[in-house]
Amino acid sequence: MSSALLVMDVQRDIVDLVDDGSGYLPGLRRAIDGAREANFPVIYVVIALRAGFPEVGTHNRALTAIARAGLFVEGAPGTEIHPEVAPLPGDVVVAKRRASAFSGSDLEVVLRARGIDSLVLTGIATSAVVLSTLCQANDLDFGLTVLSDGCLDTDPEVHRVLIERLFPQWADVVTVDDWLRTIAPQ
């Protein structure tokens, strides 16, 4: 089985909105560094919408709110990946147009081309990109792991319920440190 670590929506504006100084970014950095040491591909996923938001329909409440706030426009500074977890030259960065990392992106093409059949999910927010991607990846028959402390949400209770109750139905749910122990080179 070939695996990749997905780092999803860890963008400047999202981190500024959600991270309360809980140590999320240093923990995610450990996961990224550990993945690299174990030769796991690290694939970044960002939400990036076109200027004028032509892909935002009026029935999508979340995206309509994002468009009204003028957020996540391609090329805008707040849309960039947070510098504490920034990609290295040669890393793949996938732009998506919806909540799921697969929606409106070429993520599945990138994964299949690399023979990747198992995903390790991290990102902000647990109730948005992580949940949507987990559901779609499950339907696409990917093996799944979620790093519980590699995910963050604006609502800690929603995060807890998803991590403890829903996600284990489809994925292995482990902490960053527990996952790093399983992939550490021997």
C-alpha atoms as a PDB file:
ATOM      1  CA  MET A   1       0.000   0.000   0.000  1.00  0.00           C
ATOM      2  CA  SER A   2       1.327   3.432  -0.942  1.00  0.00           C
ATOM      3  CA  SER A   3       0.306   6.347   1.272  1.00  0.00           C
ATOM      4  CA  ALA A   4       0.400  10.137   1.168  1.00  0.00           C
ATOM      5  CA  LEU A   5      -0.101  12.794   3.813  1.00  0.00           C
ATOM      6  CA  LEU A   6      -2.692  15.404   2.822  1.00  0.00           C
ATOM      7  CA  VAL A   7      -2.327  18.847   4.413  1.00  0.00           C
ATOM      8  CA  MET A   8      -5.641  20.534   3.652  1.00  0.00           C
ATOM      9  CA  ASP A   9      -6.726  24.182   3.893  1.00  0.00           C
ATOM     10  CA  VAL A  10      -3.935  25.202   6.265  1.00  0.00           C
ATOM     11  CA  GLN A  11      -3.942  28.663   4.736  1.00  0.00           C
ATOM     12  CA  ARG A  12      -3.143  32.011   6.336  1.00  0.00           C
ATOM     13  CA  ASP A  13      -6.727  33.298   6.624  1.00  0.00           C
ATOM     14  CA  ILE A  14      -8.046  29.961   7.903  1.00  0.00           C
ATOM     15  CA  VAL A  15      -5.296  29.572  10.504  1.00  0.00           C
ATOM     16  CA  ASP A  16      -5.865  33.161  11.652  1.00  0.00           C
ATOM     17  CA  LEU A  17      -9.576  32.439  12.057  1.00  0.00           C
ATOM     18  CA  VAL A  18      -9.350  29.056  13.789  1.00  0.00           C
ATOM     19  CA  ASP A  19      -6.028  28.549  15.588  1.00  0.00           C
ATOM     20  CA  ASP A  20      -6.158  29.755  19.161  1.00  0.00           C
ATOM     21  CA  GLY A  21      -2.479  29.152  19.878  1.00  0.00           C
ATOM     22  CA  SER A  22      -3.155  25.540  20.854  1.00  0.00           C
ATOM     23  CA  GLY A  23       0.061  24.249  19.314  1.00  0.00           C
ATOM     24  CA  TYR A  24      -1.696  22.982  16.207  1.00  0.00           C
ATOM     25  CA  LEU A  25       0.891  24.191  13.683  1.00  0.00           C
ATOM     26  CA  PRO A  26       3.962  22.741  15.488  1.00  0.00           C
ATOM     27  CA  GLY A  27       2.175  19.385  15.761  1.00  0.00           C
ATOM     28  CA  LEU A  28       1.279  19.452  12.080  1.00  0.00           C
ATOM     29  CA  ARG A  29       4.882  20.407  11.260  1.00  0.00           C
ATOM     30  CA  ARG A  30       6.030  17.257  13.145  1.00  0.00           C
ATOM     31  CA  ALA A  31       3.673  15.144  11.026  1.00  0.00           C
ATOM     32  CA  ILE A  32       4.969  16.730   7.804  1.00  0.00           C
ATOM     33  CA  ASP A  33       8.618  16.310   8.812  1.00  0.00           C
ATOM     34  CA  GLY A  34       8.002  12.705   9.894  1.00  0.00           C
ATOM     35  CA  ALA A  35       6.244  11.917   6.627  1.00  0.00           C
ATOM     36  CA  ARG A  36       9.192  13.301   4.678  1.00  0.00           C
ATOM     37  CA  GLU A  37      11.676  11.278   6.753  1.00  0.00           C
ATOM     38  CA  ALA A  38       9.650   8.129   6.016  1.00  0.00           C
ATOM     39  CA  ASN A  39       9.493   9.028   2.280  1.00  0.00           C
ATOM     40  CA  PHE A  40       5.742   9.630   2.317  1.00  0.00           C
ATOM     41  CA  PRO A  41       4.616  12.159  -0.277  1.00  0.00           C
ATOM     42  CA  VAL A  42       3.176  15.314   1.296  1.00  0.00           C
ATOM     43  CA  ILE A  43       0.408  16.801  -0.813  1.00  0.00           C
ATOM     44  CA  TYR A  44      -1.041  20.201   0.007  1.00  0.00           C
ATOM     45  CA  VAL A  45      -4.628  21.106  -0.786  1.00  0.00           C
ATOM     46  CA  VAL A  46      -5.907  24.695  -0.791  1.00  0.00           C
ATOM     47  CA  ILE A  47      -9.242  26.296  -1.470  1.00  0.00           C
ATOM     48  CA  ALA A  48      -8.671  28.851  -4.214  1.00  0.00           C
ATOM     49  CA  LEU A  49     -11.563  30.542  -5.959  1.00  0.00           C
ATOM     50  CA  ARG A  50     -11.418  32.620  -9.118  1.00  0.00           C
ATOM     51  CA  ALA A  51     -11.803  36.397  -8.974  1.00  0.00           C
ATOM     52  CA  GLY A  52     -15.495  37.213  -9.201  1.00  0.00           C
ATOM     53  CA  PHE A  53     -16.367  33.748  -7.795  1.00  0.00           C
ATOM     54  CA  PRO A  54     -17.904  32.229 -10.963  1.00  0.00           C
ATOM     55  CA  GLU A  55     -17.832  28.772  -9.347  1.00  0.00           C
ATOM     56  CA  VAL A  56     -19.968  29.826  -6.363  1.00  0.00           C
ATOM     57  CA  GLY A  57     -23.649  28.987  -6.718  1.00  0.00           C
ATOM     58  CA  THR A  58     -26.299  30.704  -4.638  1.00  0.00           C
ATOM     59  CA  HIS A  59     -27.476  27.426  -3.079  1.00  0.00           C
ATOM     60  CA  ASN A  60     -24.096  26.731  -1.454  1.00  0.00           C
ATOM     61  CA  ARG A  61     -24.360  28.643   1.825  1.00  0.00           C
ATOM     62  CA  ALA A  62     -20.752  28.171   2.917  1.00  0.00           C
ATOM     63  CA  LEU A  63     -19.225  29.262  -0.388  1.00  0.00           C
ATOM     64  CA  THR A  64     -21.669  32.160  -0.722  1.00  0.00           C
ATOM     65  CA  ALA A  65     -20.540  33.425   2.695  1.00  0.00           C
ATOM     66  CA  ILE A  66     -16.890  33.037   1.633  1.00  0.00           C
ATOM     67  CA  ALA A  67     -17.550  34.971  -1.589  1.00  0.00           C
ATOM     68  CA  ARG A  68     -19.362  37.764   0.275  1.00  0.00           C
ATOM     69  CA  ALA A  69     -16.351  38.084   2.585  1.00  0.00           C
ATOM     70  CA  GLY A  70     -14.012  38.108  -0.430  1.00  0.00           C
ATOM     71  CA  LEU A  71     -11.947  35.221   0.923  1.00  0.00           C
ATOM     72  CA  PHE A  72      -9.762  32.602  -0.770  1.00  0.00           C
ATOM     73  CA  VAL A  73      -9.271  34.317  -4.103  1.00  0.00           C
ATOM     74  CA  GLU A  74      -6.446  32.779  -6.128  1.00  0.00           C
ATOM     75  CA  GLY A  75      -3.239  34.707  -5.559  1.00  0.00           C
ATOM     76  CA  ALA A  76      -4.453  36.624  -2.478  1.00  0.00           C
ATOM     77  CA  PRO A  77      -2.004  36.583   0.475  1.00  0.00           C
ATOM     78  CA  GLY A  78      -4.557  35.016   2.852  1.00  0.00           C
ATOM     79  CA  THR A  79      -5.035  32.099   0.458  1.00  0.00           C
ATOM     80  CA  GLU A  80      -1.364  31.083   0.724  1.00  0.00           C
ATOM     81  CA  ILE A  81      -0.364  28.041   2.749  1.00  0.00           C
ATOM     82  CA  HIS A  82       0.688  29.103   6.240  1.00  0.00           C
ATOM     83  CA  PRO A  83       4.487  29.651   6.291  1.00  0.00           C
ATOM     84  CA  GLU A  84       4.976  27.389   9.343  1.00  0.00           C
ATOM     85  CA  VAL A  85       3.939  24.379   7.264  1.00  0.00           C
ATOM     86  CA  ALA A  86       4.789  25.644   3.774  1.00  0.00           C
ATOM     87  CA  PRO A  87       5.545  23.198   0.979  1.00  0.00           C
ATOM     88  CA  LEU A  88       9.046  22.506  -0.244  1.00  0.00           C
ATOM     89  CA  PRO A  89      10.042  22.930  -3.883  1.00  0.00           C
ATOM     90  CA  GLY A  90       8.658  19.979  -5.813  1.00  0.00           C
ATOM     91  CA  ASP A  91       5.733  19.352  -3.433  1.00  0.00           C
ATOM     92  CA  VAL A  92       2.370  19.041  -5.114  1.00  0.00           C
ATOM     93  CA  VAL A  93      -0.164  21.754  -4.277  1.00  0.00           C
ATOM     94  CA  VAL A  94      -3.714  21.024  -5.397  1.00  0.00           C
ATOM     95  CA  ALA A  95      -6.292  23.809  -5.707  1.00  0.00           C
ATOM     96  CA  LYS A  96      -9.911  22.869  -5.043  1.00  0.00           C
ATOM     97  CA  ARG A  97     -13.159  24.758  -5.531  1.00  0.00           C
ATOM     98  CA  ARG A  98     -15.364  23.131  -2.883  1.00  0.00           C
ATOM     99  CA  ALA A  99     -15.126  21.614   0.607  1.00  0.00           C
ATOM    100  CA  SER A 100     -13.767  18.208  -0.430  1.00  0.00           C
ATOM    101  CA  ALA A 101     -10.171  18.028  -1.600  1.00  0.00           C
ATOM    102  CA  PHE A 102     -11.463  16.078  -4.602  1.00  0.00           C
ATOM    103  CA  SER A 103     -14.160  18.548  -5.711  1.00  0.00           C
ATOM    104  CA  GLY A 104     -13.072  20.760  -8.558  1.00  0.00           C
ATOM    105  CA  SER A 105      -9.462  19.572  -8.339  1.00  0.00           C
ATOM    106  CA  ASP A 106      -7.119  17.092  -9.965  1.00  0.00           C
ATOM    107  CA  LEU A 107      -6.274  15.376  -6.658  1.00  0.00           C
ATOM    108  CA  GLU A 108      -7.515  11.946  -7.722  1.00  0.00           C
ATOM    109  CA  VAL A 109      -5.460  12.142 -10.945  1.00  0.00           C
ATOM    110  CA  VAL A 110      -2.328  13.033  -8.934  1.00  0.00           C
ATOM    111  CA  LEU A 111      -2.917  10.197  -6.450  1.00  0.00           C
ATOM    112  CA  ARG A 112      -3.676   7.528  -9.069  1.00  0.00           C
ATOM    113  CA  ALA A 113      -0.670   8.597 -11.194  1.00  0.00           C
ATOM    114  CA  ARG A 114       1.574   8.046  -8.162  1.00  0.00           C
ATOM    115  CA  GLY A 115      -0.028   4.725  -7.240  1.00  0.00           C
ATOM    116  CA  ILE A 116      -1.283   6.114  -3.928  1.00  0.00           C
ATOM    117  CA  ASP A 117      -4.140   4.111  -2.475  1.00  0.00           C
ATOM    118  CA  SER A 118      -4.062   5.235   1.148  1.00  0.00           C
ATOM    119  CA  LEU A 119      -4.432   8.744   2.590  1.00  0.00           C
ATOM    120  CA  VAL A 120      -3.485  10.319   5.897  1.00  0.00           C
ATOM    121  CA  LEU A 121      -5.740  13.309   6.452  1.00  0.00           C
ATOM    122  CA  THR A 122      -4.970  16.547   8.280  1.00  0.00           C
ATOM    123  CA  GLY A 123      -6.457  20.004   7.972  1.00  0.00           C
ATOM    124  CA  ILE A 124      -8.720  22.842   8.956  1.00  0.00           C
ATOM    125  CA  ALA A 125     -11.595  22.456   9.522  1.00  0.00           C
ATOM    126  CA  THR A 126     -12.491  19.028  10.797  1.00  0.00           C
ATOM    127  CA  SER A 127     -16.157  19.697   9.977  1.00  0.00           C
ATOM    128  CA  ALA A 128     -15.417  20.964   6.463  1.00  0.00           C
ATOM    129  CA  VAL A 129     -12.459  19.805   4.357  1.00  0.00           C
ATOM    130  CA  VAL A 130     -11.584  16.807   6.536  1.00  0.00           C
ATOM    131  CA  LEU A 131     -15.153  15.490   6.772  1.00  0.00           C
ATOM    132  CA  SER A 132     -15.923  16.096   3.079  1.00  0.00           C
ATOM    133  CA  THR A 133     -12.652  14.583   1.896  1.00  0.00           C
ATOM    134  CA  LEU A 134     -12.992  11.579   4.202  1.00  0.00           C
ATOM    135  CA  CYS A 135     -16.464  10.792   2.853  1.00  0.00           C
ATOM    136  CA  GLN A 136     -15.411  11.128  -0.770  1.00  0.00           C
ATOM    137  CA  ALA A 137     -12.115   9.244  -0.299  1.00  0.00           C
ATOM    138  CA  ASN A 138     -14.034   6.417   1.366  1.00  0.00           C
ATOM    139  CA  ASP A 139     -16.375   6.242  -1.637  1.00  0.00           C
ATOM    140  CA  LEU A 140     -13.310   6.154  -3.910  1.00  0.00           C
ATOM    141  CA  ASP A 141     -11.916   3.154  -1.959  1.00  0.00           C
ATOM    142  CA  PHE A 142      -8.840   4.819  -0.471  1.00  0.00           C
ATOM    143  CA  GLY A 143      -7.418   3.433   2.753  1.00  0.00           C
ATOM    144  CA  LEU A 144      -7.834   6.167   5.360  1.00  0.00           C
ATOM    145  CA  THR A 145      -6.133   7.473   8.476  1.00  0.00           C
ATOM    146  CA  VAL A 146      -7.072  10.704  10.240  1.00  0.00           C
ATOM    147  CA  LEU A 147      -4.576  12.410  12.534  1.00  0.00           C
ATOM    148  CA  SER A 148      -6.847  13.568  15.356  1.00  0.00           C
ATOM    149  CA  ASP A 149      -4.582  16.392  16.498  1.00  0.00           C
ATOM    150  CA  GLY A 150      -3.623  17.155  12.896  1.00  0.00           C
ATOM    151  CA  CYS A 151      -7.170  18.460  12.428  1.00  0.00           C
ATOM    152  CA  LEU A 152      -8.679  21.611  13.904  1.00  0.00           C
ATOM    153  CA  ASP A 153     -12.155  23.110  13.981  1.00  0.00           C
ATOM    154  CA  THR A 154     -13.811  26.321  15.144  1.00  0.00           C
ATOM    155  CA  ASP A 155     -16.084  24.206  17.360  1.00  0.00           C
ATOM    156  CA  PRO A 156     -14.182  21.861  19.707  1.00  0.00           C
ATOM    157  CA  GLU A 157     -17.306  19.795  20.424  1.00  0.00           C
ATOM    158  CA  VAL A 158     -17.987  19.183  16.719  1.00  0.00           C
ATOM    159  CA  HIS A 159     -14.312  18.216  16.323  1.00  0.00           C
ATOM    160  CA  ARG A 160     -14.571  15.778  19.244  1.00  0.00           C
ATOM    161  CA  VAL A 161     -17.748  14.106  17.961  1.00  0.00           C
ATOM    162  CA  LEU A 162     -16.346  13.685  14.462  1.00  0.00           C
ATOM    163  CA  ILE A 163     -12.993  12.353  15.692  1.00  0.00           C
ATOM    164  CA  GLU A 164     -14.426  10.037  18.344  1.00  0.00           C
ATOM    165  CA  ARG A 165     -17.728   8.896  16.840  1.00  0.00           C
ATOM    166  CA  LEU A 166     -17.991   9.355  13.080  1.00  0.00           C
ATOM    167  CA  PHE A 167     -14.503   9.130  11.589  1.00  0.00           C
ATOM    168  CA  PRO A 168     -13.628   5.749  13.186  1.00  0.00           C
ATOM    169  CA  GLN A 169     -16.397   4.192  11.088  1.00  0.00           C
ATOM    170  CA  TRP A 170     -14.327   4.828   7.939  1.00  0.00           C
ATOM    171  CA  ALA A 171     -10.760   5.459   9.044  1.00  0.00           C
ATOM    172  CA  ASP A 172      -8.072   4.709  11.571  1.00  0.00           C
ATOM    173  CA  VAL A 173      -7.992   7.710  13.893  1.00  0.00           C
ATOM    174  CA  VAL A 174      -4.681   8.258  15.675  1.00  0.00           C
ATOM    175  CA  THR A 175      -2.611  11.097  17.084  1.00  0.00           C
ATOM    176  CA  VAL A 176       0.322  12.582  15.204  1.00  0.00           C
ATOM    177  CA  ASP A 177       2.785  10.980  17.649  1.00  0.00           C
ATOM    178  CA  ASP A 178       1.169   7.537  17.403  1.00  0.00           C
ATOM    179  CA  TRP A 179       1.211   7.728  13.608  1.00  0.00           C
ATOM    180  CA  LEU A 180       4.844   8.854  13.543  1.00  0.00           C
ATOM    181  CA  ARG A 181       5.814   5.810  15.620  1.00  0.00           C
ATOM    182  CA  THR A 182       4.224   3.514  13.015  1.00  0.00           C
ATOM    183  CA  ILE A 183       6.037   5.078  10.048  1.00  0.00           C
ATOM    184  CA  ALA A 184       9.432   5.785  11.607  1.00  0.00           C
ATOM    185  CA  PRO A 185      12.274   4.285   9.589  1.00  0.00           C
ATOM    186  CA  GLN A 186      13.756   1.303  11.381  1.00  0.00           C
END
